[in-house]
């Protein structure tokens, strides 16, 4: 995904320092890309936009975790209890021990 900005969204770091009031007022309408040495250095966003981005990121992270769990369940079937897992592990250890002899 590519993010594009309009040319009027770019502001030099010097202008941010000199005109902080004007720059922060612009944040109500749009994000501001701050340039350092004529290269984008960071983006200023208002608090509501930042909160929305964090919520979206949290959702994506939780969704990825959910998908990982679902895929693992699909591979092996149903979820097993810890005692069943211990039994399987013990059985596997015994099989490996037999192979060593």
PDB file of N, CA and C in Angstrom:
ATOM      1  N   UNK A   1       0.852  -1.171   0.000  1.00  0.00           N
ATOM      2  CA  UNK A   1       0.000   0.000   0.000  1.00  0.00           C
ATOM      3  C   UNK A   1       0.899   1.235   0.000  1.00  0.00           C
ATOM      4  N   UNK A   2       0.616   2.143  -0.877  1.00  0.00           N
ATOM      5  CA  UNK A   2       1.383   3.379  -0.990  1.00  0.00           C
ATOM      6  C   UNK A   2       0.547   4.540  -0.474  1.00  0.00           C
ATOM      7  N   UNK A   3       1.180   5.361   0.334  1.00  0.00           N
ATOM      8  CA  UNK A   3       0.519   6.556   0.837  1.00  0.00           C
ATOM      9  C   UNK A   3       0.994   7.739   0.016  1.00  0.00           C
ATOM     10  N   UNK A   4       0.056   8.522  -0.443  1.00  0.00           N
ATOM     11  CA  UNK A   4       0.419   9.708  -1.214  1.00  0.00           C
ATOM     12  C   UNK A   4      -0.008  10.959  -0.460  1.00  0.00           C
ATOM     13  N   UNK A   5       0.744  11.997  -0.672  1.00  0.00           N
ATOM     14  CA  UNK A   5       0.464  13.279  -0.034  1.00  0.00           C
ATOM     15  C   UNK A   5       0.392  14.359  -1.098  1.00  0.00           C
ATOM     16  N   UNK A   6      -0.383  15.389  -0.810  1.00  0.00           N
ATOM     17  CA  UNK A   6      -0.427  16.549  -1.690  1.00  0.00           C
ATOM     18  C   UNK A   6       0.777  17.437  -1.385  1.00  0.00           C
ATOM     19  N   UNK A   7       1.207  18.167  -2.377  1.00  0.00           N
ATOM     20  CA  UNK A   7       2.395  19.012  -2.229  1.00  0.00           C
ATOM     21  C   UNK A   7       2.243  20.023  -1.094  1.00  0.00           C
ATOM     22  N   UNK A   8       1.025  20.506  -0.867  1.00  0.00           N
ATOM     23  CA  UNK A   8       0.846  21.511   0.187  1.00  0.00           C
ATOM     24  C   UNK A   8       0.832  20.906   1.594  1.00  0.00           C
ATOM     25  N   UNK A   9       0.958  19.599   1.695  1.00  0.00           N
ATOM     26  CA  UNK A   9       1.051  18.973   3.006  1.00  0.00           C
ATOM     27  C   UNK A   9       2.488  18.952   3.527  1.00  0.00           C
ATOM     28  N   UNK A  10       3.453  19.264   2.671  1.00  0.00           N
ATOM     29  CA  UNK A  10       4.861  19.240   3.064  1.00  0.00           C
ATOM     30  C   UNK A  10       5.261  20.565   3.702  1.00  0.00           C
ATOM     31  N   UNK A  11       5.973  20.459   4.822  1.00  0.00           N
ATOM     32  CA  UNK A  11       6.436  21.641   5.553  1.00  0.00           C
ATOM     33  C   UNK A  11       7.857  21.360   6.036  1.00  0.00           C
ATOM     34  N   UNK A  12       8.723  22.334   5.938  1.00  0.00           N
ATOM     35  CA  UNK A  12      10.093  22.141   6.424  1.00  0.00           C
ATOM     36  C   UNK A  12      10.105  22.165   7.953  1.00  0.00           C
ATOM     37  N   UNK A  13      11.089  21.535   8.515  1.00  0.00           N
ATOM     38  CA  UNK A  13      11.230  21.516   9.979  1.00  0.00           C
ATOM     39  C   UNK A  13      11.411  22.934  10.505  1.00  0.00           C
ATOM     40  N   UNK A  14      12.062  23.775   9.724  1.00  0.00           N
ATOM     41  CA  UNK A  14      12.259  25.172  10.116  1.00  0.00           C
ATOM     42  C   UNK A  14      10.923  25.892  10.215  1.00  0.00           C
ATOM     43  N   UNK A  15      10.039  25.668   9.231  1.00  0.00           N
ATOM     44  CA  UNK A  15       8.713  26.294   9.280  1.00  0.00           C
ATOM     45  C   UNK A  15       7.890  25.777  10.455  1.00  0.00           C
ATOM     46  N   UNK A  16       8.053  24.491  10.779  1.00  0.00           N
ATOM     47  CA  UNK A  16       7.335  23.946  11.946  1.00  0.00           C
ATOM     48  C   UNK A  16       7.793  24.679  13.202  1.00  0.00           C
ATOM     49  N   UNK A  17       9.097  24.890  13.332  1.00  0.00           N
ATOM     50  CA  UNK A  17       9.632  25.585  14.509  1.00  0.00           C
ATOM     51  C   UNK A  17       9.168  27.033  14.572  1.00  0.00           C
ATOM     52  N   UNK A  18       9.120  27.685  13.437  1.00  0.00           N
ATOM     53  CA  UNK A  18       8.761  29.110  13.395  1.00  0.00           C
ATOM     54  C   UNK A  18       7.255  29.337  13.464  1.00  0.00           C
ATOM     55  N   UNK A  19       6.486  28.410  12.907  1.00  0.00           N
ATOM     56  CA  UNK A  19       5.038  28.620  12.768  1.00  0.00           C
ATOM     57  C   UNK A  19       4.251  27.459  13.363  1.00  0.00           C
ATOM     58  N   UNK A  20       4.608  27.060  14.556  1.00  0.00           N
ATOM     59  CA  UNK A  20       3.976  25.885  15.161  1.00  0.00           C
ATOM     60  C   UNK A  20       2.461  26.050  15.283  1.00  0.00           C
ATOM     61  N   UNK A  21       2.002  27.238  15.574  1.00  0.00           N
ATOM     62  CA  UNK A  21       0.564  27.484  15.689  1.00  0.00           C
ATOM     63  C   UNK A  21      -0.172  27.234  14.383  1.00  0.00           C
ATOM     64  N   UNK A  22       0.387  27.726  13.288  1.00  0.00           N
ATOM     65  CA  UNK A  22      -0.230  27.522  11.969  1.00  0.00           C
ATOM     66  C   UNK A  22      -0.218  26.042  11.581  1.00  0.00           C
ATOM     67  N   UNK A  23       0.893  25.382  11.869  1.00  0.00           N
ATOM     68  CA  UNK A  23       1.021  23.969  11.505  1.00  0.00           C
ATOM     69  C   UNK A  23       0.028  23.127  12.299  1.00  0.00           C
ATOM     70  N   UNK A  24      -0.067  23.371  13.584  1.00  0.00           N
ATOM     71  CA  UNK A  24      -1.003  22.574  14.392  1.00  0.00           C
ATOM     72  C   UNK A  24      -2.447  22.863  14.008  1.00  0.00           C
ATOM     73  N   UNK A  25      -2.742  24.074  13.577  1.00  0.00           N
ATOM     74  CA  UNK A  25      -4.097  24.392  13.121  1.00  0.00           C
ATOM     75  C   UNK A  25      -4.434  23.595  11.856  1.00  0.00           C
ATOM     76  N   UNK A  26      -3.450  23.394  10.998  1.00  0.00           N
ATOM     77  CA  UNK A  26      -3.664  22.613   9.768  1.00  0.00           C
ATOM     78  C   UNK A  26      -3.993  21.164  10.072  1.00  0.00           C
ATOM     79  N   UNK A  27      -3.534  20.680  11.221  1.00  0.00           N
ATOM     80  CA  UNK A  27      -3.748  19.276  11.559  1.00  0.00           C
ATOM     81  C   UNK A  27      -5.222  18.934  11.741  1.00  0.00           C
ATOM     82  N   UNK A  28      -6.058  19.937  11.956  1.00  0.00           N
ATOM     83  CA  UNK A  28      -7.497  19.681  12.062  1.00  0.00           C
ATOM     84  C   UNK A  28      -8.065  19.235  10.720  1.00  0.00           C
ATOM     85  N   UNK A  29      -7.413  19.644   9.641  1.00  0.00           N
ATOM     86  CA  UNK A  29      -7.904  19.356   8.290  1.00  0.00           C
ATOM     87  C   UNK A  29      -7.145  18.226   7.597  1.00  0.00           C
ATOM     88  N   UNK A  30      -5.823  18.148   7.827  1.00  0.00           N
ATOM     89  CA  UNK A  30      -5.008  17.166   7.104  1.00  0.00           C
ATOM     90  C   UNK A  30      -3.722  16.876   7.865  1.00  0.00           C
ATOM     91  N   UNK A  31      -3.076  15.770   7.486  1.00  0.00           N
ATOM     92  CA  UNK A  31      -1.774  15.440   8.057  1.00  0.00           C
ATOM     93  C   UNK A  31      -0.720  16.372   7.469  1.00  0.00           C
ATOM     94  N   UNK A  32       0.378  16.514   8.180  1.00  0.00           N
ATOM     95  CA  UNK A  32       1.471  17.368   7.721  1.00  0.00           C
ATOM     96  C   UNK A  32       2.743  16.524   7.667  1.00  0.00           C
ATOM     97  N   UNK A  33       3.407  16.541   6.519  1.00  0.00           N
ATOM     98  CA  UNK A  33       4.661  15.825   6.343  1.00  0.00           C
ATOM     99  C   UNK A  33       5.794  16.811   6.594  1.00  0.00           C
ATOM    100  N   UNK A  34       6.638  16.487   7.556  1.00  0.00           N
ATOM    101  CA  UNK A  34       7.726  17.398   7.923  1.00  0.00           C
ATOM    102  C   UNK A  34       8.999  16.954   7.210  1.00  0.00           C
ATOM    103  N   UNK A  35       9.621  17.924   6.528  1.00  0.00           N
ATOM    104  CA  UNK A  35      10.843  17.673   5.773  1.00  0.00           C
ATOM    105  C   UNK A  35      12.071  18.101   6.566  1.00  0.00           C
ATOM    106  N   UNK A  36      13.074  17.267   6.518  1.00  0.00           N
ATOM    107  CA  UNK A  36      14.383  17.609   7.084  1.00  0.00           C
ATOM    108  C   UNK A  36      15.387  17.386   5.956  1.00  0.00           C
ATOM    109  N   UNK A  37      16.135  18.409   5.613  1.00  0.00           N
ATOM    110  CA  UNK A  37      17.063  18.353   4.472  1.00  0.00           C
ATOM    111  C   UNK A  37      16.330  17.958   3.187  1.00  0.00           C
ATOM    112  N   UNK A  38      15.139  18.518   3.018  1.00  0.00           N
ATOM    113  CA  UNK A  38      14.299  18.303   1.833  1.00  0.00           C
ATOM    114  C   UNK A  38      13.866  16.852   1.630  1.00  0.00           C
ATOM    115  N   UNK A  39      13.879  16.052   2.697  1.00  0.00           N
ATOM    116  CA  UNK A  39      13.404  14.671   2.627  1.00  0.00           C
ATOM    117  C   UNK A  39      12.360  14.466   3.718  1.00  0.00           C
ATOM    118  N   UNK A  40      11.294  13.720   3.433  1.00  0.00           N
ATOM    119  CA  UNK A  40      10.287  13.452   4.478  1.00  0.00           C
ATOM    120  C   UNK A  40      10.937  12.794   5.693  1.00  0.00           C
ATOM    121  N   UNK A  41      10.692  13.351   6.858  1.00  0.00           N
ATOM    122  CA  UNK A  41      11.291  12.842   8.088  1.00  0.00           C
ATOM    123  C   UNK A  41      10.235  12.239   9.005  1.00  0.00           C
ATOM    124  N   UNK A  42       9.099  12.901   9.132  1.00  0.00           N
ATOM    125  CA  UNK A  42       8.000  12.364   9.932  1.00  0.00           C
ATOM    126  C   UNK A  42       6.703  13.029   9.536  1.00  0.00           C
ATOM    127  N   UNK A  43       5.599  12.437   9.997  1.00  0.00           N
ATOM    128  CA  UNK A  43       4.272  12.955   9.689  1.00  0.00           C
ATOM    129  C   UNK A  43       3.596  13.355  10.993  1.00  0.00           C
ATOM    130  N   UNK A  44       3.009  14.532  10.993  1.00  0.00           N
ATOM    131  CA  UNK A  44       2.245  14.990  12.151  1.00  0.00           C
ATOM    132  C   UNK A  44       0.764  14.730  11.860  1.00  0.00           C
ATOM    133  N   UNK A  45       0.085  14.123  12.827  1.00  0.00           N
ATOM    134  CA  UNK A  45      -1.349  13.849  12.684  1.00  0.00           C
ATOM    135  C   UNK A  45      -2.058  14.332  13.935  1.00  0.00           C
ATOM    136  N   UNK A  46      -3.359  14.604  13.802  1.00  0.00           N
ATOM    137  CA  UNK A  46      -4.095  15.015  14.999  1.00  0.00           C
ATOM    138  C   UNK A  46      -4.401  13.786  15.853  1.00  0.00           C
ATOM    139  N   UNK A  47      -4.792  14.015  17.078  1.00  0.00           N
ATOM    140  CA  UNK A  47      -4.988  12.941  18.044  1.00  0.00           C
ATOM    141  C   UNK A  47      -6.056  11.951  17.591  1.00  0.00           C
ATOM    142  N   UNK A  48      -7.146  12.431  17.023  1.00  0.00           N
ATOM    143  CA  UNK A  48      -8.208  11.523  16.576  1.00  0.00           C
ATOM    144  C   UNK A  48      -7.711  10.579  15.479  1.00  0.00           C
ATOM    145  N   UNK A  49      -6.938  11.102  14.554  1.00  0.00           N
ATOM    146  CA  UNK A  49      -6.373  10.259  13.495  1.00  0.00           C
ATOM    147  C   UNK A  49      -5.419   9.230  14.080  1.00  0.00           C
ATOM    148  N   UNK A  50      -4.609   9.660  15.029  1.00  0.00           N
ATOM    149  CA  UNK A  50      -3.661   8.742  15.664  1.00  0.00           C
ATOM    150  C   UNK A  50      -4.402   7.617  16.393  1.00  0.00           C
ATOM    151  N   UNK A  51      -5.446   7.972  17.139  1.00  0.00           N
ATOM    152  CA  UNK A  51      -6.232   6.953  17.839  1.00  0.00           C
ATOM    153  C   UNK A  51      -6.841   5.961  16.861  1.00  0.00           C
ATOM    154  N   UNK A  52      -7.367   6.462  15.759  1.00  0.00           N
ATOM    155  CA  UNK A  52      -7.976   5.583  14.750  1.00  0.00           C
ATOM    156  C   UNK A  52      -6.928   4.641  14.155  1.00  0.00           C
ATOM    157  N   UNK A  53      -5.723   5.146  13.897  1.00  0.00           N
ATOM    158  CA  UNK A  53      -4.658   4.299  13.361  1.00  0.00           C
ATOM    159  C   UNK A  53      -4.250   3.225  14.365  1.00  0.00           C
ATOM    160  N   UNK A  54      -4.147   3.609  15.643  1.00  0.00           N
ATOM    161  CA  UNK A  54      -3.784   2.629  16.677  1.00  0.00           C
ATOM    162  C   UNK A  54      -4.851   1.540  16.798  1.00  0.00           C
ATOM    163  N   UNK A  55      -6.120   1.943  16.755  1.00  0.00           N
ATOM    164  CA  UNK A  55      -7.201   0.963  16.834  1.00  0.00           C
ATOM    165  C   UNK A  55      -7.159   0.016  15.642  1.00  0.00           C
ATOM    166  N   UNK A  56      -6.898   0.552  14.461  1.00  0.00           N
ATOM    167  CA  UNK A  56      -6.811  -0.288  13.262  1.00  0.00           C
ATOM    168  C   UNK A  56      -5.631  -1.254  13.367  1.00  0.00           C
ATOM    169  N   UNK A  57      -4.510  -0.762  13.857  1.00  0.00           N
ATOM    170  CA  UNK A  57      -3.333  -1.611  14.026  1.00  0.00           C
ATOM    171  C   UNK A  57      -3.604  -2.705  15.046  1.00  0.00           C
ATOM    172  N   UNK A  58      -4.237  -2.361  16.156  1.00  0.00           N
ATOM    173  CA  UNK A  58      -4.589  -3.358  17.172  1.00  0.00           C
ATOM    174  C   UNK A  58      -5.509  -4.422  16.589  1.00  0.00           C
ATOM    175  N   UNK A  59      -6.490  -3.988  15.782  1.00  0.00           N
ATOM    176  CA  UNK A  59      -7.408  -4.931  15.160  1.00  0.00           C
ATOM    177  C   UNK A  59      -6.654  -5.897  14.251  1.00  0.00           C
ATOM    178  N   UNK A  60      -5.747  -5.362  13.432  1.00  0.00           N
ATOM    179  CA  UNK A  60      -4.976  -6.201  12.509  1.00  0.00           C
ATOM    180  C   UNK A  60      -4.134  -7.206  13.288  1.00  0.00           C
ATOM    181  N   UNK A  61      -3.490  -6.755  14.361  1.00  0.00           N
ATOM    182  CA  UNK A  61      -2.669  -7.662  15.168  1.00  0.00           C
ATOM    183  C   UNK A  61      -3.520  -8.774  15.773  1.00  0.00           C
ATOM    184  N   UNK A  62      -4.682  -8.421  16.315  1.00  0.00           N
ATOM    185  CA  UNK A  62      -5.558  -9.432  16.901  1.00  0.00           C
ATOM    186  C   UNK A  62      -6.084 -10.379  15.831  1.00  0.00           C
ATOM    187  N   UNK A  63      -6.392  -9.856  14.668  1.00  0.00           N
ATOM    188  CA  UNK A  63      -6.883 -10.683  13.573  1.00  0.00           C
ATOM    189  C   UNK A  63      -5.811 -11.682  13.136  1.00  0.00           C
ATOM    190  N   UNK A  64      -4.563 -11.228  13.048  1.00  0.00           N
ATOM    191  CA  UNK A  64      -3.477 -12.117  12.657  1.00  0.00           C
ATOM    192  C   UNK A  64      -3.296 -13.235  13.680  1.00  0.00           C
ATOM    193  N   UNK A  65      -3.403 -12.917  14.951  1.00  0.00           N
ATOM    194  CA  UNK A  65      -3.305 -13.937  16.001  1.00  0.00           C
ATOM    195  C   UNK A  65      -4.450 -14.936  15.857  1.00  0.00           C
ATOM    196  N   UNK A  66      -5.659 -14.420  15.654  1.00  0.00           N
ATOM    197  CA  UNK A  66      -6.819 -15.281  15.485  1.00  0.00           C
ATOM    198  C   UNK A  66      -6.638 -16.210  14.287  1.00  0.00           C
ATOM    199  N   UNK A  67      -6.147 -15.674  13.174  1.00  0.00           N
ATOM    200  CA  UNK A  67      -5.941 -16.484  11.978  1.00  0.00           C
ATOM    201  C   UNK A  67      -4.888 -17.561  12.208  1.00  0.00           C
ATOM    202  N   UNK A  68      -3.843 -17.248  12.940  1.00  0.00           N
ATOM    203  CA  UNK A  68      -2.808 -18.237  13.252  1.00  0.00           C
ATOM    204  C   UNK A  68      -3.398 -19.384  14.059  1.00  0.00           C
ATOM    205  N   UNK A  69      -4.191 -19.044  15.065  1.00  0.00           N
ATOM    206  CA  UNK A  69      -4.835 -20.067  15.890  1.00  0.00           C
ATOM    207  C   UNK A  69      -5.765 -20.920  15.038  1.00  0.00           C
ATOM    208  N   UNK A  70      -6.569 -20.272  14.210  1.00  0.00           N
ATOM    209  CA  UNK A  70      -7.516 -21.009  13.369  1.00  0.00           C
ATOM    210  C   UNK A  70      -6.794 -21.956  12.419  1.00  0.00           C
ATOM    211  N   UNK A  71      -5.710 -21.513  11.801  1.00  0.00           N
ATOM    212  CA  UNK A  71      -4.962 -22.358  10.873  1.00  0.00           C
ATOM    213  C   UNK A  71      -4.367 -23.564  11.591  1.00  0.00           C
ATOM    214  N   UNK A  72      -3.871 -23.344  12.803  1.00  0.00           N
ATOM    215  CA  UNK A  72      -3.307 -24.463  13.562  1.00  0.00           C
ATOM    216  C   UNK A  72      -4.387 -25.461  13.944  1.00  0.00           C
ATOM    217  N   UNK A  73      -5.562 -24.976  14.279  1.00  0.00           N
ATOM    218  CA  UNK A  73      -6.667 -25.874  14.602  1.00  0.00           C
ATOM    219  C   UNK A  73      -7.068 -26.675  13.371  1.00  0.00           C
ATOM    220  N   UNK A  74      -7.116 -26.025  12.223  1.00  0.00           N
ATOM    221  CA  UNK A  74      -7.503 -26.700  10.984  1.00  0.00           C
ATOM    222  C   UNK A  74      -6.514 -27.797  10.610  1.00  0.00           C
ATOM    223  N   UNK A  75      -5.242 -27.592  10.879  1.00  0.00           N
ATOM    224  CA  UNK A  75      -4.229 -28.576  10.506  1.00  0.00           C
ATOM    225  C   UNK A  75      -4.372 -29.868  11.297  1.00  0.00           C
ATOM    226  N   UNK A  76      -4.638 -29.768  12.563  1.00  0.00           N
ATOM    227  CA  UNK A  76      -4.656 -30.942  13.421  1.00  0.00           C
ATOM    228  C   UNK A  76      -6.059 -31.367  13.838  1.00  0.00           C
ATOM    229  N   UNK A  77      -7.032 -30.572  13.544  1.00  0.00           N
ATOM    230  CA  UNK A  77      -8.381 -30.916  13.972  1.00  0.00           C
ATOM    231  C   UNK A  77      -8.761 -30.159  15.222  1.00  0.00           C
ATOM    232  N   UNK A  78      -9.279 -30.864  16.193  1.00  0.00           N
ATOM    233  CA  UNK A  78      -9.794 -30.235  17.408  1.00  0.00           C
ATOM    234  C   UNK A  78      -8.672 -29.876  18.380  1.00  0.00           C
ATOM    235  N   UNK A  79      -8.991 -29.008  19.287  1.00  0.00           N
ATOM    236  CA  UNK A  79      -8.068 -28.629  20.354  1.00  0.00           C
ATOM    237  C   UNK A  79      -8.004 -29.781  21.346  1.00  0.00           C
ATOM    238  N   UNK A  80      -6.803 -30.070  21.870  1.00  0.00           N
ATOM    239  CA  UNK A  80      -6.667 -31.139  22.857  1.00  0.00           C
ATOM    240  C   UNK A  80      -6.300 -30.552  24.209  1.00  0.00           C
ATOM    241  N   UNK A  81      -6.581 -31.309  25.248  1.00  0.00           N
ATOM    242  CA  UNK A  81      -6.288 -30.846  26.608  1.00  0.00           C
ATOM    243  C   UNK A  81      -4.797 -30.993  26.897  1.00  0.00           C
ATOM    244  N   UNK A  82      -4.357 -30.382  27.983  1.00  0.00           N
ATOM    245  CA  UNK A  82      -2.945 -30.473  28.354  1.00  0.00           C
ATOM    246  C   UNK A  82      -2.568 -31.900  28.748  1.00  0.00           C
ATOM    247  N   UNK A  83      -3.496 -32.640  29.374  1.00  0.00           N
ATOM    248  CA  UNK A  83      -3.189 -34.031  29.738  1.00  0.00           C
ATOM    249  C   UNK A  83      -3.045 -34.900  28.482  1.00  0.00           C
ATOM    250  N   UNK A  84      -3.884 -34.648  27.479  1.00  0.00           N
ATOM    251  CA  UNK A  84      -3.755 -35.384  26.222  1.00  0.00           C
ATOM    252  C   UNK A  84      -2.427 -35.052  25.553  1.00  0.00           C
ATOM    253  N   UNK A  85      -2.037 -33.794  25.610  1.00  0.00           N
ATOM    254  CA  UNK A  85      -0.758 -33.377  25.033  1.00  0.00           C
ATOM    255  C   UNK A  85       0.391 -34.055  25.768  1.00  0.00           C
ATOM    256  N   UNK A  86       0.319 -34.136  27.094  1.00  0.00           N
ATOM    257  CA  UNK A  86       1.357 -34.797  27.887  1.00  0.00           C
ATOM    258  C   UNK A  86       1.458 -36.270  27.507  1.00  0.00           C
ATOM    259  N   UNK A  87       0.309 -36.928  27.320  1.00  0.00           N
ATOM    260  CA  UNK A  87       0.314 -38.338  26.916  1.00  0.00           C
ATOM    261  C   UNK A  87       0.981 -38.513  25.558  1.00  0.00           C
ATOM    262  N   UNK A  88       0.639 -37.643  24.609  1.00  0.00           N
ATOM    263  CA  UNK A  88       1.238 -37.724  23.279  1.00  0.00           C
ATOM    264  C   UNK A  88       2.742 -37.494  23.335  1.00  0.00           C
ATOM    265  N   UNK A  89       3.158 -36.531  24.131  1.00  0.00           N
ATOM    266  CA  UNK A  89       4.573 -36.224  24.263  1.00  0.00           C
ATOM    267  C   UNK A  89       5.322 -37.398  24.876  1.00  0.00           C
ATOM    268  N   UNK A  90       4.771 -37.982  25.911  1.00  0.00           N
ATOM    269  CA  UNK A  90       5.397 -39.128  26.563  1.00  0.00           C
ATOM    270  C   UNK A  90       5.518 -40.296  25.582  1.00  0.00           C
ATOM    271  N   UNK A  91       4.480 -40.545  24.814  1.00  0.00           N
ATOM    272  CA  UNK A  91       4.494 -41.605  23.807  1.00  0.00           C
ATOM    273  C   UNK A  91       5.596 -41.340  22.792  1.00  0.00           C
ATOM    274  N   UNK A  92       5.719 -40.100  22.363  1.00  0.00           N
ATOM    275  CA  UNK A  92       6.732 -39.733  21.364  1.00  0.00           C
ATOM    276  C   UNK A  92       8.139 -39.893  21.937  1.00  0.00           C
ATOM    277  N   UNK A  93       8.336 -39.516  23.194  1.00  0.00           N
ATOM    278  CA  UNK A  93       9.644 -39.670  23.844  1.00  0.00           C
ATOM    279  C   UNK A  93      10.023 -41.143  23.896  1.00  0.00           C
ATOM    280  N   UNK A  94       9.060 -41.994  24.229  1.00  0.00           N
ATOM    281  CA  UNK A  94       9.322 -43.442  24.286  1.00  0.00           C
ATOM    282  C   UNK A  94       9.695 -43.982  22.911  1.00  0.00           C
ATOM    283  N   UNK A  95       9.030 -43.484  21.872  1.00  0.00           N
ATOM    284  CA  UNK A  95       9.346 -43.922  20.507  1.00  0.00           C
ATOM    285  C   UNK A  95      10.755 -43.505  20.127  1.00  0.00           C
ATOM    286  N   UNK A  96      11.140 -42.311  20.486  1.00  0.00           N
ATOM    287  CA  UNK A  96      12.502 -41.831  20.183  1.00  0.00           C
ATOM    288  C   UNK A  96      13.526 -42.643  20.952  1.00  0.00           C
ATOM    289  N   UNK A  97      13.239 -42.949  22.214  1.00  0.00           N
ATOM    290  CA  UNK A  97      14.166 -43.756  23.026  1.00  0.00           C
ATOM    291  C   UNK A  97      14.372 -45.130  22.389  1.00  0.00           C
ATOM    292  N   UNK A  98      13.307 -45.748  21.868  1.00  0.00           N
ATOM    293  CA  UNK A  98      13.415 -47.061  21.230  1.00  0.00           C
ATOM    294  C   UNK A  98      14.306 -46.983  19.997  1.00  0.00           C
ATOM    295  N   UNK A  99      14.252 -45.866  19.287  1.00  0.00           N
ATOM    296  CA  UNK A  99      15.051 -45.708  18.083  1.00  0.00           C
ATOM    297  C   UNK A  99      16.528 -45.585  18.402  1.00  0.00           C
ATOM    298  N   UNK A 100      16.871 -45.151  19.567  1.00  0.00           N
ATOM    299  CA  UNK A 100      18.278 -44.968  19.975  1.00  0.00           C
ATOM    300  C   UNK A 100      18.935 -46.300  20.300  1.00  0.00           C
ATOM    301  N   UNK A 101      18.161 -47.283  20.669  1.00  0.00           N
ATOM    302  CA  UNK A 101      18.720 -48.585  21.110  1.00  0.00           C
ATOM    303  C   UNK A 101      19.186 -49.399  19.955  1.00  0.00           C
TER     304      UNK A 101
END
